[in-house]
């Protein structure tokens, strides 16, 4: 284990997540107002980045999927960008994106200057979204910020172990999960598991079904938010070590963040690509 003198200097990030449950009547304009109000609340808390939930701008709005979809970049990301710039923080959320004839469930990353700097299209579509006509994405990107590398995933992606691991292998230190909701028991286990699996922070934002939360690499919940309009904020240190006794190295203290990558055996993993029987 490193001595205090050898340990890296702290790298602090003030992270916020939110739980917003829009009430009727539902319109994109009223939902966006809730979102920008929450960004303002995070700004007052001096957050560096906030996570808003999946499809929140369109939540409860009636009409065909095609009518609720917007270009990215477009009016929704521009509106959120104005709020991000005003509050000098980063924003993550997921929106219904139209690109030509295709419609995607897309997570977006907006920087402190209000610029759209990243986009992730949901790879794992639940049956309901596929039947509605959404198109799946096919790539797992990691994005650079001034405080560290982050990944974006969406809801059903969390039920698959591969996406978060791929992002960890690409250097992600935090994964942001805008989700609509999940069964409480499943979500509690799986949100912790993805953080432990990869030795990274997981930040989720829900609308229903479970609390929004910030989970550390030990699988501990460091902050939660639940309700119609709630914010949770936590200061995290991306350089902190998370060491566990007997983790690979006997009676010493091992750290999963590095060991899970170092001691992988990808030469034995071809079976994960095989067709199920």
Protein backbone atom coordinates (compact mmCIF):
# COMPACT_ATOMS: atom_id res chain seq x y z
CA UNK A 1 0.00 0.00 0.00
CA UNK A 2 1.23 3.48 -0.76
CA UNK A 3 2.40 5.62 2.13
CA UNK A 4 0.70 8.95 2.72
CA UNK A 5 3.72 10.64 1.17
CA UNK A 6 3.39 8.53 -2.02
CA UNK A 7 -0.38 8.77 -2.35
CA UNK A 8 -1.62 10.95 -5.21
CA UNK A 9 -2.99 14.36 -4.39
CA UNK A 10 -6.80 14.44 -4.00
CA UNK A 11 -8.81 15.13 -7.13
CA UNK A 12 -12.12 16.40 -5.85
CA UNK A 13 -15.33 16.61 -7.88
CA UNK A 14 -18.63 17.88 -6.52
CA UNK A 15 -21.26 15.60 -8.05
CA UNK A 16 -25.02 16.10 -8.02
CA UNK A 17 -27.89 13.87 -8.99
CA UNK A 18 -31.61 14.53 -9.08
CA UNK A 19 -34.99 12.88 -8.77
CA UNK A 20 -37.77 14.72 -10.62
CA UNK A 21 -41.30 13.36 -11.01
CA UNK A 22 -43.19 15.71 -13.34
CA UNK A 23 -46.83 16.30 -12.41
CA UNK A 24 -49.62 16.87 -14.94
CA UNK A 25 -50.33 18.61 -17.18
CA UNK A 26 -47.25 17.29 -18.97
CA UNK A 27 -45.56 19.35 -21.67
CA UNK A 28 -42.00 19.50 -22.91
CA UNK A 29 -41.86 23.14 -21.83
CA UNK A 30 -43.00 22.39 -18.26
CA UNK A 31 -40.59 19.47 -18.01
CA UNK A 32 -37.70 21.60 -19.26
CA UNK A 33 -38.59 24.20 -16.63
CA UNK A 34 -38.23 21.54 -13.93
CA UNK A 35 -34.91 20.48 -15.40
CA UNK A 36 -33.47 24.00 -15.53
CA UNK A 37 -34.78 24.71 -12.02
CA UNK A 38 -32.89 21.63 -10.83
CA UNK A 39 -29.74 22.77 -12.63
CA UNK A 40 -30.12 26.10 -10.83
CA UNK A 41 -30.40 24.24 -7.52
CA UNK A 42 -27.22 22.30 -8.29
CA UNK A 43 -25.52 25.55 -9.24
CA UNK A 44 -26.35 27.00 -5.82
CA UNK A 45 -24.67 23.94 -4.30
CA UNK A 46 -21.55 24.64 -6.41
CA UNK A 47 -21.80 21.27 -8.15
CA UNK A 48 -19.34 20.49 -10.94
CA UNK A 49 -21.75 18.14 -12.72
CA UNK A 50 -25.39 17.06 -12.40
CA UNK A 51 -27.23 14.00 -13.69
CA UNK A 52 -30.86 14.31 -14.79
CA UNK A 53 -33.01 11.29 -15.62
CA UNK A 54 -33.83 9.47 -18.85
CA UNK A 55 -36.35 11.03 -21.21
CA UNK A 56 -37.27 13.64 -18.63
CA UNK A 57 -37.98 16.35 -21.19
CA UNK A 58 -40.59 14.11 -22.83
CA UNK A 59 -41.92 12.47 -19.64
CA UNK A 60 -45.71 12.13 -19.70
CA UNK A 61 -46.07 14.03 -22.98
CA UNK A 62 -48.66 12.42 -25.25
CA UNK A 63 -48.27 11.76 -28.96
CA UNK A 64 -46.38 9.41 -31.24
CA UNK A 65 -42.67 8.88 -30.59
CA UNK A 66 -41.82 10.72 -33.79
CA UNK A 67 -43.63 13.81 -32.53
CA UNK A 68 -41.68 13.82 -29.26
CA UNK A 69 -38.24 13.40 -30.81
CA UNK A 70 -35.83 16.28 -31.40
CA UNK A 71 -32.48 16.74 -33.14
CA UNK A 72 -29.32 16.63 -31.02
CA UNK A 73 -27.97 19.25 -30.94
CA UNK A 74 -31.28 21.08 -31.04
CA UNK A 75 -33.77 23.07 -28.96
CA UNK A 76 -33.63 20.85 -25.88
CA UNK A 77 -29.84 20.69 -25.62
CA UNK A 78 -29.60 24.41 -26.36
CA UNK A 79 -31.99 25.19 -23.52
CA UNK A 80 -30.09 22.95 -21.12
CA UNK A 81 -26.81 24.42 -22.38
CA UNK A 82 -27.96 27.92 -21.45
CA UNK A 83 -28.67 26.71 -17.92
CA UNK A 84 -25.35 24.84 -17.71
CA UNK A 85 -23.46 27.96 -18.76
CA UNK A 86 -25.40 30.13 -16.32
CA UNK A 87 -24.52 27.80 -13.43
CA UNK A 88 -21.01 26.90 -14.65
CA UNK A 89 -21.51 23.15 -14.40
CA UNK A 90 -21.69 20.05 -16.58
CA UNK A 91 -25.06 18.42 -17.34
CA UNK A 92 -25.94 14.81 -18.18
CA UNK A 93 -29.40 13.64 -19.23
CA UNK A 94 -31.03 11.45 -21.89
CA UNK A 95 -33.43 12.65 -24.57
CA UNK A 96 -35.41 11.20 -27.48
CA UNK A 97 -33.26 12.05 -30.50
CA UNK A 98 -34.29 12.24 -34.15
CA UNK A 99 -31.55 11.82 -36.74
CA UNK A 100 -33.04 11.61 -40.22
CA UNK A 101 -35.54 8.77 -40.17
CA UNK A 102 -33.97 7.14 -37.10
CA UNK A 103 -34.97 7.75 -33.48
CA UNK A 104 -32.58 7.07 -30.62
CA UNK A 105 -32.62 7.18 -26.84
CA UNK A 106 -29.55 9.39 -26.43
CA UNK A 107 -27.61 10.49 -23.36
CA UNK A 108 -26.00 13.90 -23.78
CA UNK A 109 -23.08 15.62 -22.08
CA UNK A 110 -23.07 19.42 -21.91
CA UNK A 111 -20.07 21.33 -20.56
CA UNK A 112 -19.77 24.40 -18.34
CA UNK A 113 -19.84 26.65 -21.39
CA UNK A 114 -23.16 25.23 -22.52
CA UNK A 115 -21.67 23.24 -25.40
CA UNK A 116 -22.81 19.76 -26.36
CA UNK A 117 -19.54 17.81 -26.15
CA UNK A 118 -20.71 14.21 -26.01
CA UNK A 119 -23.55 11.87 -26.94
CA UNK A 120 -24.23 8.19 -26.29
CA UNK A 121 -27.02 6.27 -28.00
CA UNK A 122 -28.57 3.56 -25.85
CA UNK A 123 -27.30 0.19 -27.04
CA UNK A 124 -29.58 -2.17 -25.10
CA UNK A 125 -33.18 -1.37 -25.95
CA UNK A 126 -35.97 -2.95 -23.89
CA UNK A 127 -38.68 -4.60 -25.96
CA UNK A 128 -41.08 -1.69 -25.52
CA UNK A 129 -38.62 0.83 -26.99
CA UNK A 130 -37.69 -1.44 -29.89
CA UNK A 131 -41.36 -2.00 -30.70
CA UNK A 132 -41.95 1.76 -30.58
CA UNK A 133 -39.43 2.14 -33.39
CA UNK A 134 -36.25 3.22 -31.63
CA UNK A 135 -32.90 2.37 -33.17
CA UNK A 136 -30.14 0.97 -30.93
CA UNK A 137 -26.71 2.56 -30.70
CA UNK A 138 -23.54 0.52 -31.17
CA UNK A 139 -20.63 2.28 -29.46
CA UNK A 140 -19.34 2.89 -25.92
CA UNK A 141 -17.47 6.16 -25.70
CA UNK A 142 -15.59 7.76 -22.83
CA UNK A 143 -15.45 11.53 -22.57
CA UNK A 144 -12.79 13.81 -21.12
CA UNK A 145 -13.67 16.53 -18.63
CA UNK A 146 -11.34 18.79 -16.69
CA UNK A 147 -11.87 16.61 -13.61
CA UNK A 148 -11.66 13.13 -15.15
CA UNK A 149 -12.95 10.62 -17.68
CA UNK A 150 -16.64 9.73 -17.68
CA UNK A 151 -18.93 7.28 -19.42
CA UNK A 152 -22.63 7.60 -20.22
CA UNK A 153 -25.07 4.68 -20.17
CA UNK A 154 -28.86 4.52 -20.02
CA UNK A 155 -31.27 2.44 -17.90
CA UNK A 156 -31.51 -1.10 -19.39
CA UNK A 157 -27.78 -0.96 -20.19
CA UNK A 158 -27.18 -1.48 -16.46
CA UNK A 159 -28.55 -5.02 -16.65
CA UNK A 160 -25.60 -6.02 -18.83
CA UNK A 161 -22.13 -6.23 -17.32
CA UNK A 162 -20.21 -5.51 -20.51
CA UNK A 163 -20.93 -1.79 -21.15
CA UNK A 164 -19.58 -0.47 -17.84
CA UNK A 165 -16.56 -2.78 -18.09
CA UNK A 166 -15.77 -1.57 -21.61
CA UNK A 167 -15.92 2.01 -20.39
CA UNK A 168 -13.67 1.18 -17.45
CA UNK A 169 -11.16 -0.37 -19.86
CA UNK A 170 -11.28 2.88 -21.83
CA UNK A 171 -10.38 4.81 -18.68
CA UNK A 172 -13.75 5.87 -17.27
CA UNK A 173 -13.63 6.86 -13.60
CA UNK A 174 -17.34 7.65 -13.33
CA UNK A 175 -20.34 6.29 -15.18
CA UNK A 176 -23.50 8.38 -15.33
CA UNK A 177 -26.79 6.50 -15.66
CA UNK A 178 -29.90 8.50 -16.57
CA UNK A 179 -32.73 6.00 -16.05
CA UNK A 180 -36.52 6.18 -16.03
CA UNK A 181 -36.93 3.77 -13.12
CA UNK A 182 -36.34 0.22 -11.98
CA UNK A 183 -37.56 -2.32 -9.46
CA UNK A 184 -36.18 -1.17 -6.12
CA UNK A 185 -34.57 -4.47 -5.06
CA UNK A 186 -32.93 -5.11 -8.42
CA UNK A 187 -31.73 -1.54 -8.73
CA UNK A 188 -30.17 -1.53 -5.27
CA UNK A 189 -28.11 -4.62 -6.03
CA UNK A 190 -27.17 -3.82 -9.60
CA UNK A 191 -26.21 -0.18 -9.09
CA UNK A 192 -23.80 -1.23 -6.35
CA UNK A 193 -22.53 -4.18 -8.37
CA UNK A 194 -21.59 -2.09 -11.43
CA UNK A 195 -19.58 0.25 -9.20
CA UNK A 196 -17.79 -2.63 -7.42
CA UNK A 197 -17.28 -4.62 -10.66
CA UNK A 198 -15.21 -1.84 -12.14
CA UNK A 199 -13.84 0.15 -9.22
CA UNK A 200 -15.57 3.34 -10.33
CA UNK A 201 -18.28 5.78 -9.22
CA UNK A 202 -21.80 5.24 -10.52
CA UNK A 203 -24.16 8.19 -10.61
CA UNK A 204 -27.80 7.54 -11.46
CA UNK A 205 -30.86 9.73 -11.86
CA UNK A 206 -34.32 8.15 -11.69
CA UNK A 207 -37.85 9.39 -12.19
CA UNK A 208 -39.63 6.46 -10.54
CA UNK A 209 -39.07 3.03 -9.06
CA UNK A 210 -35.95 3.77 -7.05
CA UNK A 211 -33.86 6.54 -5.57
CA UNK A 212 -31.32 8.47 -7.60
CA UNK A 213 -27.93 7.80 -6.08
CA UNK A 214 -24.20 8.29 -6.05
CA UNK A 215 -22.33 5.03 -5.41
CA UNK A 216 -18.63 4.81 -4.64
CA UNK A 217 -16.19 2.10 -5.86
CA UNK A 218 -16.80 0.10 -2.67
CA UNK A 219 -20.50 -0.14 -3.53
CA UNK A 220 -21.47 2.28 -0.77
CA UNK A 221 -24.27 4.79 -1.35
CA UNK A 222 -22.85 8.20 -0.50
CA UNK A 223 -25.93 10.25 -1.44
CA UNK A 224 -29.51 9.61 -2.52
CA UNK A 225 -32.50 11.60 -3.73
CA UNK A 226 -36.15 10.55 -4.03
CA UNK A 227 -39.36 12.50 -4.47
CA UNK A 228 -41.02 14.94 -6.83
CA UNK A 229 -38.11 17.41 -6.88
CA UNK A 230 -35.03 16.37 -4.92
CA UNK A 231 -31.30 16.98 -5.25
CA UNK A 232 -28.40 15.00 -3.77
CA UNK A 233 -24.83 16.29 -3.76
CA UNK A 234 -21.55 14.67 -2.73
CA UNK A 235 -17.88 15.59 -2.88
CA UNK A 236 -15.87 12.67 -4.24
CA UNK A 237 -12.14 12.15 -4.67
CA UNK A 238 -11.25 10.43 -7.92
CA UNK A 239 -7.72 9.73 -6.64
CA UNK A 240 -8.84 8.01 -3.44
CA UNK A 241 -7.78 4.39 -3.09
CA UNK A 242 -10.40 1.72 -2.34
CA UNK A 243 -8.44 -1.19 -0.91
CA UNK A 244 -9.87 -4.42 0.49
CA UNK A 245 -8.08 -7.06 2.55
CA UNK A 246 -7.45 -10.37 0.76
CA UNK A 247 -8.45 -8.90 -2.60
CA UNK A 248 -6.12 -10.94 -4.85
CA UNK A 249 -2.94 -10.22 -2.90
CA UNK A 250 -3.39 -12.37 0.19
CA UNK A 251 -3.47 -10.78 3.65
CA UNK A 252 -2.58 -7.39 2.18
CA UNK A 253 -4.87 -4.72 0.77
CA UNK A 254 -5.76 -4.96 -2.92
CA UNK A 255 -7.63 -2.40 -5.01
CA UNK A 256 -10.19 -3.61 -7.52
CA UNK A 257 -9.89 -0.53 -9.72
CA UNK A 258 -6.49 -1.71 -10.93
CA UNK A 259 -6.61 -5.44 -10.18
CA UNK A 260 -9.82 -6.10 -12.10
CA UNK A 261 -8.07 -4.76 -15.22
CA UNK A 262 -4.59 -6.13 -14.57
CA UNK A 263 -5.70 -9.67 -13.78
CA UNK A 264 -8.33 -10.09 -16.48
CA UNK A 265 -8.02 -13.10 -18.81
CA UNK A 266 -9.49 -11.88 -22.12
CA UNK A 267 -7.89 -14.86 -23.88
CA UNK A 268 -10.51 -17.02 -22.13
CA UNK A 269 -13.53 -14.82 -22.77
CA UNK A 270 -14.44 -15.78 -26.34
CA UNK A 271 -17.47 -17.61 -24.98
CA UNK A 272 -19.15 -14.31 -24.13
CA UNK A 273 -19.57 -13.72 -27.86
CA UNK A 274 -21.07 -17.16 -28.53
CA UNK A 275 -24.74 -17.57 -29.35
CA UNK A 276 -26.77 -18.68 -26.32
CA UNK A 277 -28.02 -22.28 -26.24
